[in-house]
């Protein structure tokens, strides 16, 4: 689904935007869980032998790294949704365009 698609008739534009962001986060979260479960399963069933020379399991790095990105995605959708608002950015651009015409 493209961000440039029309808002369905009868839908509140702000709520529609927020719903799209939340659905996007949920998809991101599901992918995170599935991929990381797969990586941990590989590590577990390989006898824990495949690591970088330390006692730290190698899937921990992907889990933590991707987890940081997931945490920022969560914050952008649920904690600070107005910071990443398309409507807010649109209004800034529109105001800038109107100021240039003056």
PDB file of N, CA and C in Angstrom:
ATOM      1  N   UNK A   1       0.849  -1.174   0.000  1.00  0.00           N
ATOM      2  CA  UNK A   1       0.000   0.000   0.000  1.00  0.00           C
ATOM      3  C   UNK A   1       0.895   1.238   0.000  1.00  0.00           C
ATOM      4  N   UNK A   2       0.641   2.124  -0.869  1.00  0.00           N
ATOM      5  CA  UNK A   2       1.440   3.336  -1.004  1.00  0.00           C
ATOM      6  C   UNK A   2       0.950   4.415  -0.048  1.00  0.00           C
ATOM      7  N   UNK A   3       1.874   5.251   0.429  1.00  0.00           N
ATOM      8  CA  UNK A   3       1.505   6.366   1.287  1.00  0.00           C
ATOM      9  C   UNK A   3       0.733   7.429   0.525  1.00  0.00           C
ATOM     10  N   UNK A   4       0.755   7.364  -0.813  1.00  0.00           N
ATOM     11  CA  UNK A   4       0.127   8.396  -1.623  1.00  0.00           C
ATOM     12  C   UNK A   4      -1.278   8.011  -2.077  1.00  0.00           C
ATOM     13  N   UNK A   5      -1.800   6.907  -1.589  1.00  0.00           N
ATOM     14  CA  UNK A   5      -3.146   6.511  -1.963  1.00  0.00           C
ATOM     15  C   UNK A   5      -4.157   7.425  -1.289  1.00  0.00           C
ATOM     16  N   UNK A   6      -5.291   7.526  -1.914  1.00  0.00           N
ATOM     17  CA  UNK A   6      -6.360   8.363  -1.386  1.00  0.00           C
ATOM     18  C   UNK A   6      -6.896   7.760  -0.091  1.00  0.00           C
ATOM     19  N   UNK A   7      -7.339   8.638   0.789  1.00  0.00           N
ATOM     20  CA  UNK A   7      -7.984   8.198   2.021  1.00  0.00           C
ATOM     21  C   UNK A   7      -9.381   7.727   1.648  1.00  0.00           C
ATOM     22  N   UNK A   8      -9.770   6.538   2.121  1.00  0.00           N
ATOM     23  CA  UNK A   8     -11.112   6.049   1.787  1.00  0.00           C
ATOM     24  C   UNK A   8     -12.195   7.030   2.230  1.00  0.00           C
ATOM     25  N   UNK A   9     -13.227   7.093   1.426  1.00  0.00           N
ATOM     26  CA  UNK A   9     -14.318   8.020   1.693  1.00  0.00           C
ATOM     27  C   UNK A   9     -14.943   7.737   3.051  1.00  0.00           C
ATOM     28  N   UNK A  10     -15.206   8.797   3.801  1.00  0.00           N
ATOM     29  CA  UNK A  10     -15.836   8.666   5.099  1.00  0.00           C
ATOM     30  C   UNK A  10     -14.863   8.412   6.239  1.00  0.00           C
ATOM     31  N   UNK A  11     -13.569   8.340   5.941  1.00  0.00           N
ATOM     32  CA  UNK A  11     -12.568   8.084   6.982  1.00  0.00           C
ATOM     33  C   UNK A  11     -11.927   9.397   7.422  1.00  0.00           C
ATOM     34  N   UNK A  12     -11.674   9.520   8.704  1.00  0.00           N
ATOM     35  CA  UNK A  12     -10.974  10.679   9.233  1.00  0.00           C
ATOM     36  C   UNK A  12      -9.509  10.596   8.807  1.00  0.00           C
ATOM     37  N   UNK A  13      -8.982  11.621   8.118  1.00  0.00           N
ATOM     38  CA  UNK A  13      -7.608  11.558   7.598  1.00  0.00           C
ATOM     39  C   UNK A  13      -6.541  11.329   8.671  1.00  0.00           C
ATOM     40  N   UNK A  14      -6.677  11.987   9.814  1.00  0.00           N
ATOM     41  CA  UNK A  14      -5.678  11.831  10.866  1.00  0.00           C
ATOM     42  C   UNK A  14      -5.724  10.433  11.465  1.00  0.00           C
ATOM     43  N   UNK A  15      -6.940   9.928  11.713  1.00  0.00           N
ATOM     44  CA  UNK A  15      -7.065   8.575  12.255  1.00  0.00           C
ATOM     45  C   UNK A  15      -6.593   7.533  11.250  1.00  0.00           C
ATOM     46  N   UNK A  16      -6.860   7.775   9.976  1.00  0.00           N
ATOM     47  CA  UNK A  16      -6.428   6.851   8.926  1.00  0.00           C
ATOM     48  C   UNK A  16      -4.902   6.771   8.880  1.00  0.00           C
ATOM     49  N   UNK A  17      -4.250   7.927   8.976  1.00  0.00           N
ATOM     50  CA  UNK A  17      -2.785   7.975   8.969  1.00  0.00           C
ATOM     51  C   UNK A  17      -2.224   7.226  10.175  1.00  0.00           C
ATOM     52  N   UNK A  18      -2.793   7.459  11.348  1.00  0.00           N
ATOM     53  CA  UNK A  18      -2.339   6.784  12.556  1.00  0.00           C
ATOM     54  C   UNK A  18      -2.571   5.274  12.459  1.00  0.00           C
ATOM     55  N   UNK A  19      -3.702   4.882  11.910  1.00  0.00           N
ATOM     56  CA  UNK A  19      -3.994   3.454  11.743  1.00  0.00           C
ATOM     57  C   UNK A  19      -2.982   2.798  10.808  1.00  0.00           C
ATOM     58  N   UNK A  20      -2.600   3.486   9.716  1.00  0.00           N
ATOM     59  CA  UNK A  20      -1.597   2.949   8.793  1.00  0.00           C
ATOM     60  C   UNK A  20      -0.252   2.787   9.487  1.00  0.00           C
ATOM     61  N   UNK A  21       0.127   3.767  10.303  1.00  0.00           N
ATOM     62  CA  UNK A  21       1.394   3.691  11.021  1.00  0.00           C
ATOM     63  C   UNK A  21       1.391   2.533  12.017  1.00  0.00           C
ATOM     64  N   UNK A  22       0.285   2.362  12.722  1.00  0.00           N
ATOM     65  CA  UNK A  22       0.201   1.267  13.699  1.00  0.00           C
ATOM     66  C   UNK A  22       0.211  -0.092  13.002  1.00  0.00           C
ATOM     67  N   UNK A  23      -0.466  -0.197  11.883  1.00  0.00           N
ATOM     68  CA  UNK A  23      -0.451  -1.451  11.135  1.00  0.00           C
ATOM     69  C   UNK A  23       0.959  -1.739  10.618  1.00  0.00           C
ATOM     70  N   UNK A  24       1.662  -0.697  10.186  1.00  0.00           N
ATOM     71  CA  UNK A  24       3.043  -0.861   9.735  1.00  0.00           C
ATOM     72  C   UNK A  24       3.945  -1.344  10.856  1.00  0.00           C
ATOM     73  N   UNK A  25       3.752  -0.785  12.060  1.00  0.00           N
ATOM     74  CA  UNK A  25       4.548  -1.234  13.202  1.00  0.00           C
ATOM     75  C   UNK A  25       4.263  -2.695  13.516  1.00  0.00           C
ATOM     76  N   UNK A  26       2.994  -3.073  13.491  1.00  0.00           N
ATOM     77  CA  UNK A  26       2.642  -4.464  13.812  1.00  0.00           C
ATOM     78  C   UNK A  26       3.278  -5.432  12.818  1.00  0.00           C
ATOM     79  N   UNK A  27       3.302  -5.070  11.545  1.00  0.00           N
ATOM     80  CA  UNK A  27       3.972  -5.900  10.544  1.00  0.00           C
ATOM     81  C   UNK A  27       5.470  -5.990  10.813  1.00  0.00           C
ATOM     82  N   UNK A  28       6.073  -4.875  11.177  1.00  0.00           N
ATOM     83  CA  UNK A  28       7.497  -4.827  11.513  1.00  0.00           C
ATOM     84  C   UNK A  28       7.779  -5.739  12.716  1.00  0.00           C
ATOM     85  N   UNK A  29       6.910  -5.680  13.729  1.00  0.00           N
ATOM     86  CA  UNK A  29       7.084  -6.491  14.931  1.00  0.00           C
ATOM     87  C   UNK A  29       6.979  -7.989  14.620  1.00  0.00           C
ATOM     88  N   UNK A  30       6.004  -8.359  13.810  1.00  0.00           N
ATOM     89  CA  UNK A  30       5.837  -9.775  13.446  1.00  0.00           C
ATOM     90  C   UNK A  30       7.068 -10.276  12.690  1.00  0.00           C
ATOM     91  N   UNK A  31       7.577  -9.488  11.756  1.00  0.00           N
ATOM     92  CA  UNK A  31       8.783  -9.876  11.024  1.00  0.00           C
ATOM     93  C   UNK A  31       9.967 -10.032  11.972  1.00  0.00           C
ATOM     94  N   UNK A  32      10.103  -9.119  12.924  1.00  0.00           N
ATOM     95  CA  UNK A  32      11.177  -9.166  13.916  1.00  0.00           C
ATOM     96  C   UNK A  32      11.118 -10.479  14.710  1.00  0.00           C
ATOM     97  N   UNK A  33       9.939 -10.817  15.191  1.00  0.00           N
ATOM     98  CA  UNK A  33       9.782 -12.034  15.994  1.00  0.00           C
ATOM     99  C   UNK A  33      10.093 -13.272  15.166  1.00  0.00           C
ATOM    100  N   UNK A  34       9.539 -13.372  13.967  1.00  0.00           N
ATOM    101  CA  UNK A  34       9.734 -14.566  13.133  1.00  0.00           C
ATOM    102  C   UNK A  34      11.204 -14.736  12.761  1.00  0.00           C
ATOM    103  N   UNK A  35      11.831 -13.688  12.270  1.00  0.00           N
ATOM    104  CA  UNK A  35      13.231 -13.784  11.845  1.00  0.00           C
ATOM    105  C   UNK A  35      14.135 -14.100  13.034  1.00  0.00           C
ATOM    106  N   UNK A  36      13.910 -13.426  14.162  1.00  0.00           N
ATOM    107  CA  UNK A  36      14.771 -13.675  15.308  1.00  0.00           C
ATOM    108  C   UNK A  36      14.551 -15.059  15.906  1.00  0.00           C
ATOM    109  N   UNK A  37      13.328 -15.561  15.913  1.00  0.00           N
ATOM    110  CA  UNK A  37      13.103 -16.947  16.348  1.00  0.00           C
ATOM    111  C   UNK A  37      13.860 -17.916  15.442  1.00  0.00           C
ATOM    112  N   UNK A  38      13.832 -17.670  14.157  1.00  0.00           N
ATOM    113  CA  UNK A  38      14.549 -18.509  13.193  1.00  0.00           C
ATOM    114  C   UNK A  38      16.060 -18.479  13.460  1.00  0.00           C
ATOM    115  N   UNK A  39      16.613 -17.286  13.673  1.00  0.00           N
ATOM    116  CA  UNK A  39      18.053 -17.174  13.931  1.00  0.00           C
ATOM    117  C   UNK A  39      18.448 -17.857  15.239  1.00  0.00           C
ATOM    118  N   UNK A  40      17.632 -17.699  16.273  1.00  0.00           N
ATOM    119  CA  UNK A  40      17.931 -18.363  17.543  1.00  0.00           C
ATOM    120  C   UNK A  40      17.796 -19.875  17.417  1.00  0.00           C
ATOM    121  N   UNK A  41      16.852 -20.331  16.605  1.00  0.00           N
ATOM    122  CA  UNK A  41      16.707 -21.778  16.376  1.00  0.00           C
ATOM    123  C   UNK A  41      17.936 -22.331  15.669  1.00  0.00           C
ATOM    124  N   UNK A  42      18.446 -21.612  14.679  1.00  0.00           N
ATOM    125  CA  UNK A  42      19.675 -22.045  13.993  1.00  0.00           C
ATOM    126  C   UNK A  42      20.808 -22.148  15.001  1.00  0.00           C
ATOM    127  N   UNK A  43      20.946 -21.134  15.824  1.00  0.00           N
ATOM    128  CA  UNK A  43      22.007 -21.138  16.831  1.00  0.00           C
ATOM    129  C   UNK A  43      21.848 -22.320  17.786  1.00  0.00           C
ATOM    130  N   UNK A  44      20.627 -22.529  18.262  1.00  0.00           N
ATOM    131  CA  UNK A  44      20.369 -23.592  19.233  1.00  0.00           C
ATOM    132  C   UNK A  44      20.618 -24.979  18.639  1.00  0.00           C
ATOM    133  N   UNK A  45      20.063 -25.226  17.450  1.00  0.00           N
ATOM    134  CA  UNK A  45      20.166 -26.558  16.862  1.00  0.00           C
ATOM    135  C   UNK A  45      21.524 -26.830  16.221  1.00  0.00           C
ATOM    136  N   UNK A  46      22.355 -25.824  16.104  1.00  0.00           N
ATOM    137  CA  UNK A  46      23.704 -26.046  15.587  1.00  0.00           C
ATOM    138  C   UNK A  46      24.667 -26.407  16.717  1.00  0.00           C
ATOM    139  N   UNK A  47      24.144 -26.618  17.884  1.00  0.00           N
ATOM    140  CA  UNK A  47      24.957 -27.042  19.003  1.00  0.00           C
ATOM    141  C   UNK A  47      25.680 -25.892  19.686  1.00  0.00           C
ATOM    142  N   UNK A  48      25.251 -24.684  19.466  1.00  0.00           N
ATOM    143  CA  UNK A  48      25.842 -23.499  20.096  1.00  0.00           C
ATOM    144  C   UNK A  48      27.316 -23.330  19.723  1.00  0.00           C
ATOM    145  N   UNK A  49      27.758 -23.952  18.656  1.00  0.00           N
ATOM    146  CA  UNK A  49      29.174 -23.890  18.276  1.00  0.00           C
ATOM    147  C   UNK A  49      29.502 -22.683  17.416  1.00  0.00           C
ATOM    148  N   UNK A  50      28.519 -22.116  16.754  1.00  0.00           N
ATOM    149  CA  UNK A  50      28.784 -21.043  15.802  1.00  0.00           C
ATOM    150  C   UNK A  50      28.684 -19.700  16.520  1.00  0.00           C
ATOM    151  N   UNK A  51      29.822 -19.165  16.902  1.00  0.00           N
ATOM    152  CA  UNK A  51      29.858 -17.848  17.535  1.00  0.00           C
ATOM    153  C   UNK A  51      31.181 -17.192  17.184  1.00  0.00           C
ATOM    154  N   UNK A  52      31.343 -15.965  17.618  1.00  0.00           N
ATOM    155  CA  UNK A  52      32.494 -15.170  17.188  1.00  0.00           C
ATOM    156  C   UNK A  52      33.705 -15.317  18.114  1.00  0.00           C
ATOM    157  N   UNK A  53      33.869 -16.448  18.768  1.00  0.00           N
ATOM    158  CA  UNK A  53      35.014 -16.643  19.637  1.00  0.00           C
ATOM    159  C   UNK A  53      34.765 -16.223  21.075  1.00  0.00           C
ATOM    160  N   UNK A  54      33.579 -15.758  21.384  1.00  0.00           N
ATOM    161  CA  UNK A  54      33.239 -15.396  22.757  1.00  0.00           C
ATOM    162  C   UNK A  54      32.084 -16.274  23.212  1.00  0.00           C
ATOM    163  N   UNK A  55      31.645 -16.073  24.399  1.00  0.00           N
ATOM    164  CA  UNK A  55      30.506 -16.842  24.911  1.00  0.00           C
ATOM    165  C   UNK A  55      29.171 -16.177  24.619  1.00  0.00           C
ATOM    166  N   UNK A  56      29.198 -15.112  23.839  1.00  0.00           N
ATOM    167  CA  UNK A  56      27.970 -14.400  23.487  1.00  0.00           C
ATOM    168  C   UNK A  56      27.367 -15.059  22.248  1.00  0.00           C
ATOM    169  N   UNK A  57      26.113 -15.495  22.325  1.00  0.00           N
ATOM    170  CA  UNK A  57      25.473 -16.101  21.150  1.00  0.00           C
ATOM    171  C   UNK A  57      25.367 -15.079  20.012  1.00  0.00           C
ATOM    172  N   UNK A  58      25.720 -15.492  18.793  1.00  0.00           N
ATOM    173  CA  UNK A  58      25.724 -14.546  17.682  1.00  0.00           C
ATOM    174  C   UNK A  58      24.353 -13.974  17.349  1.00  0.00           C
ATOM    175  N   UNK A  59      23.216 -14.687  17.573  1.00  0.00           N
ATOM    176  CA  UNK A  59      21.923 -14.051  17.256  1.00  0.00           C
ATOM    177  C   UNK A  59      21.586 -12.869  18.168  1.00  0.00           C
ATOM    178  N   UNK A  60      22.292 -12.764  19.278  1.00  0.00           N
ATOM    179  CA  UNK A  60      22.040 -11.650  20.178  1.00  0.00           C
ATOM    180  C   UNK A  60      22.280 -10.312  19.482  1.00  0.00           C
ATOM    181  N   UNK A  61      23.262 -10.250  18.602  1.00  0.00           N
ATOM    182  CA  UNK A  61      23.592  -8.998  17.915  1.00  0.00           C
ATOM    183  C   UNK A  61      22.464  -8.553  16.987  1.00  0.00           C
ATOM    184  N   UNK A  62      21.884  -9.493  16.249  1.00  0.00           N
ATOM    185  CA  UNK A  62      20.769  -9.100  15.372  1.00  0.00           C
ATOM    186  C   UNK A  62      19.527  -8.759  16.190  1.00  0.00           C
ATOM    187  N   UNK A  63      19.297  -9.516  17.259  1.00  0.00           N
ATOM    188  CA  UNK A  63      18.136  -9.253  18.109  1.00  0.00           C
ATOM    189  C   UNK A  63      18.235  -7.862  18.730  1.00  0.00           C
ATOM    190  N   UNK A  64      19.414  -7.522  19.254  1.00  0.00           N
ATOM    191  CA  UNK A  64      19.594  -6.197  19.865  1.00  0.00           C
ATOM    192  C   UNK A  64      19.585  -5.076  18.828  1.00  0.00           C
ATOM    193  N   UNK A  65      20.312  -5.261  17.751  1.00  0.00           N
ATOM    194  CA  UNK A  65      20.382  -4.214  16.725  1.00  0.00           C
ATOM    195  C   UNK A  65      19.030  -3.900  16.116  1.00  0.00           C
ATOM    196  N   UNK A  66      18.343  -4.934  15.692  1.00  0.00           N
ATOM    197  CA  UNK A  66      17.020  -4.743  15.103  1.00  0.00           C
ATOM    198  C   UNK A  66      16.036  -4.275  16.163  1.00  0.00           C
ATOM    199  N   UNK A  67      16.221  -4.748  17.410  1.00  0.00           N
ATOM    200  CA  UNK A  67      15.350  -4.333  18.511  1.00  0.00           C
ATOM    201  C   UNK A  67      15.413  -2.840  18.763  1.00  0.00           C
ATOM    202  N   UNK A  68      16.600  -2.263  18.604  1.00  0.00           N
ATOM    203  CA  UNK A  68      16.732  -0.809  18.758  1.00  0.00           C
ATOM    204  C   UNK A  68      15.898  -0.090  17.692  1.00  0.00           C
ATOM    205  N   UNK A  69      15.997  -0.557  16.455  1.00  0.00           N
ATOM    206  CA  UNK A  69      15.179   0.026  15.384  1.00  0.00           C
ATOM    207  C   UNK A  69      13.698  -0.148  15.646  1.00  0.00           C
ATOM    208  N   UNK A  70      13.319  -1.311  16.143  1.00  0.00           N
ATOM    209  CA  UNK A  70      11.917  -1.577  16.461  1.00  0.00           C
ATOM    210  C   UNK A  70      11.429  -0.662  17.585  1.00  0.00           C
ATOM    211  N   UNK A  71      12.295  -0.416  18.570  1.00  0.00           N
ATOM    212  CA  UNK A  71      11.929   0.481  19.671  1.00  0.00           C
ATOM    213  C   UNK A  71      11.688   1.898  19.163  1.00  0.00           C
ATOM    214  N   UNK A  72      12.525   2.365  18.235  1.00  0.00           N
ATOM    215  CA  UNK A  72      12.322   3.698  17.659  1.00  0.00           C
ATOM    216  C   UNK A  72      11.032   3.742  16.832  1.00  0.00           C
ATOM    217  N   UNK A  73      10.750   2.663  16.106  1.00  0.00           N
ATOM    218  CA  UNK A  73       9.508   2.600  15.334  1.00  0.00           C
ATOM    219  C   UNK A  73       8.316   2.669  16.287  1.00  0.00           C
ATOM    220  N   UNK A  74       8.367   1.903  17.380  1.00  0.00           N
ATOM    221  CA  UNK A  74       7.300   1.917  18.383  1.00  0.00           C
ATOM    222  C   UNK A  74       7.102   3.331  18.936  1.00  0.00           C
ATOM    223  N   UNK A  75       8.210   3.979  19.315  1.00  0.00           N
ATOM    224  CA  UNK A  75       8.127   5.337  19.872  1.00  0.00           C
ATOM    225  C   UNK A  75       7.515   6.306  18.879  1.00  0.00           C
ATOM    226  N   UNK A  76       7.879   6.169  17.603  1.00  0.00           N
ATOM    227  CA  UNK A  76       7.342   7.062  16.583  1.00  0.00           C
ATOM    228  C   UNK A  76       5.863   6.871  16.326  1.00  0.00           C
ATOM    229  N   UNK A  77       5.361   5.674  16.597  1.00  0.00           N
ATOM    230  CA  UNK A  77       3.953   5.384  16.323  1.00  0.00           C
ATOM    231  C   UNK A  77       3.076   5.577  17.563  1.00  0.00           C
ATOM    232  N   UNK A  78       3.554   5.120  18.716  1.00  0.00           N
ATOM    233  CA  UNK A  78       2.710   5.110  19.913  1.00  0.00           C
ATOM    234  C   UNK A  78       3.057   6.189  20.942  1.00  0.00           C
ATOM    235  N   UNK A  79       4.301   6.608  21.028  1.00  0.00           N
ATOM    236  CA  UNK A  79       4.702   7.556  22.066  1.00  0.00           C
ATOM    237  C   UNK A  79       4.710   8.991  21.547  1.00  0.00           C
ATOM    238  N   UNK A  80       5.313   9.198  20.379  1.00  0.00           N
ATOM    239  CA  UNK A  80       5.433  10.535  19.797  1.00  0.00           C
ATOM    240  C   UNK A  80       4.869  10.564  18.378  1.00  0.00           C
ATOM    241  N   UNK A  81       3.605  10.228  18.171  1.00  0.00           N
ATOM    242  CA  UNK A  81       3.087  10.146  16.799  1.00  0.00           C
ATOM    243  C   UNK A  81       3.058  11.489  16.077  1.00  0.00           C
ATOM    244  N   UNK A  82       2.930  12.587  16.818  1.00  0.00           N
ATOM    245  CA  UNK A  82       2.857  13.899  16.173  1.00  0.00           C
ATOM    246  C   UNK A  82       4.197  14.329  15.592  1.00  0.00           C
ATOM    247  N   UNK A  83       5.294  13.771  16.071  1.00  0.00           N
ATOM    248  CA  UNK A  83       6.622  14.128  15.565  1.00  0.00           C
ATOM    249  C   UNK A  83       6.770  13.677  14.115  1.00  0.00           C
ATOM    250  N   UNK A  84       6.211  12.523  13.781  1.00  0.00           N
ATOM    251  CA  UNK A  84       6.361  11.950  12.446  1.00  0.00           C
ATOM    252  C   UNK A  84       5.082  12.078  11.621  1.00  0.00           C
ATOM    253  N   UNK A  85       4.335  13.123  11.864  1.00  0.00           N
ATOM    254  CA  UNK A  85       3.049  13.306  11.208  1.00  0.00           C
ATOM    255  C   UNK A  85       3.211  13.794   9.771  1.00  0.00           C
ATOM    256  N   UNK A  86       2.613  13.087   8.841  1.00  0.00           N
ATOM    257  CA  UNK A  86       2.619  13.500   7.447  1.00  0.00           C
ATOM    258  C   UNK A  86       1.863  14.814   7.290  1.00  0.00           C
ATOM    259  N   UNK A  87       0.757  14.941   8.009  1.00  0.00           N
ATOM    260  CA  UNK A  87      -0.038  16.167   7.931  1.00  0.00           C
ATOM    261  C   UNK A  87       0.777  17.372   8.394  1.00  0.00           C
ATOM    262  N   UNK A  88       1.539  17.203   9.456  1.00  0.00           N
ATOM    263  CA  UNK A  88       2.368  18.289   9.978  1.00  0.00           C
ATOM    264  C   UNK A  88       3.422  18.702   8.946  1.00  0.00           C
ATOM    265  N   UNK A  89       4.058  17.751   8.323  1.00  0.00           N
ATOM    266  CA  UNK A  89       5.062  18.044   7.303  1.00  0.00           C
ATOM    267  C   UNK A  89       4.431  18.705   6.086  1.00  0.00           C
ATOM    268  N   UNK A  90       3.244  18.243   5.699  1.00  0.00           N
ATOM    269  CA  UNK A  90       2.521  18.831   4.577  1.00  0.00           C
ATOM    270  C   UNK A  90       2.223  20.304   4.851  1.00  0.00           C
ATOM    271  N   UNK A  91       1.764  20.593   6.064  1.00  0.00           N
ATOM    272  CA  UNK A  91       1.448  21.978   6.417  1.00  0.00           C
ATOM    273  C   UNK A  91       2.701  22.856   6.388  1.00  0.00           C
ATOM    274  N   UNK A  92       3.844  22.327   6.856  1.00  0.00           N
ATOM    275  CA  UNK A  92       5.098  23.086   6.787  1.00  0.00           C
ATOM    276  C   UNK A  92       5.453  23.424   5.346  1.00  0.00           C
ATOM    277  N   UNK A  93       5.372  22.443   4.477  1.00  0.00           N
ATOM    278  CA  UNK A  93       5.694  22.665   3.061  1.00  0.00           C
ATOM    279  C   UNK A  93       4.745  23.668   2.429  1.00  0.00           C
ATOM    280  N   UNK A  94       3.466  23.535   2.752  1.00  0.00           N
ATOM    281  CA  UNK A  94       2.471  24.445   2.197  1.00  0.00           C
ATOM    282  C   UNK A  94       2.723  25.873   2.683  1.00  0.00           C
ATOM    283  N   UNK A  95       3.036  26.028   3.960  1.00  0.00           N
ATOM    284  CA  UNK A  95       3.336  27.353   4.508  1.00  0.00           C
ATOM    285  C   UNK A  95       4.582  27.941   3.862  1.00  0.00           C
ATOM    286  N   UNK A  96       5.612  27.127   3.680  1.00  0.00           N
ATOM    287  CA  UNK A  96       6.838  27.595   3.019  1.00  0.00           C
ATOM    288  C   UNK A  96       6.556  28.044   1.593  1.00  0.00           C
ATOM    289  N   UNK A  97       5.731  27.282   0.887  1.00  0.00           N
ATOM    290  CA  UNK A  97       5.389  27.624  -0.486  1.00  0.00           C
ATOM    291  C   UNK A  97       4.605  28.940  -0.529  1.00  0.00           C
ATOM    292  N   UNK A  98       3.687  29.136   0.387  1.00  0.00           N
ATOM    293  CA  UNK A  98       2.919  30.366   0.423  1.00  0.00           C
ATOM    294  C   UNK A  98       3.801  31.560   0.799  1.00  0.00           C
ATOM    295  N   UNK A  99       4.750  31.356   1.685  1.00  0.00           N
ATOM    296  CA  UNK A  99       5.675  32.441   2.078  1.00  0.00           C
ATOM    297  C   UNK A  99       6.578  32.848   0.911  1.00  0.00           C
ATOM    298  N   UNK A 100       6.951  31.900   0.084  1.00  0.00           N
ATOM    299  CA  UNK A 100       7.807  32.209  -1.082  1.00  0.00           C
ATOM    300  C   UNK A 100       7.041  33.024  -2.116  1.00  0.00           C
ATOM    301  N   UNK A 101       5.751  32.810  -2.233  1.00  0.00           N
ATOM    302  CA  UNK A 101       4.933  33.527  -3.202  1.00  0.00           C
ATOM    303  C   UNK A 101       4.733  34.980  -2.798  1.00  0.00           C
ATOM    304  N   UNK A 102       4.873  35.280  -1.528  1.00  0.00           N
ATOM    305  CA  UNK A 102       4.630  36.657  -1.037  1.00  0.00           C
ATOM    306  C   UNK A 102       5.765  37.564  -1.335  1.00  0.00           C
TER     307      UNK A 102
END
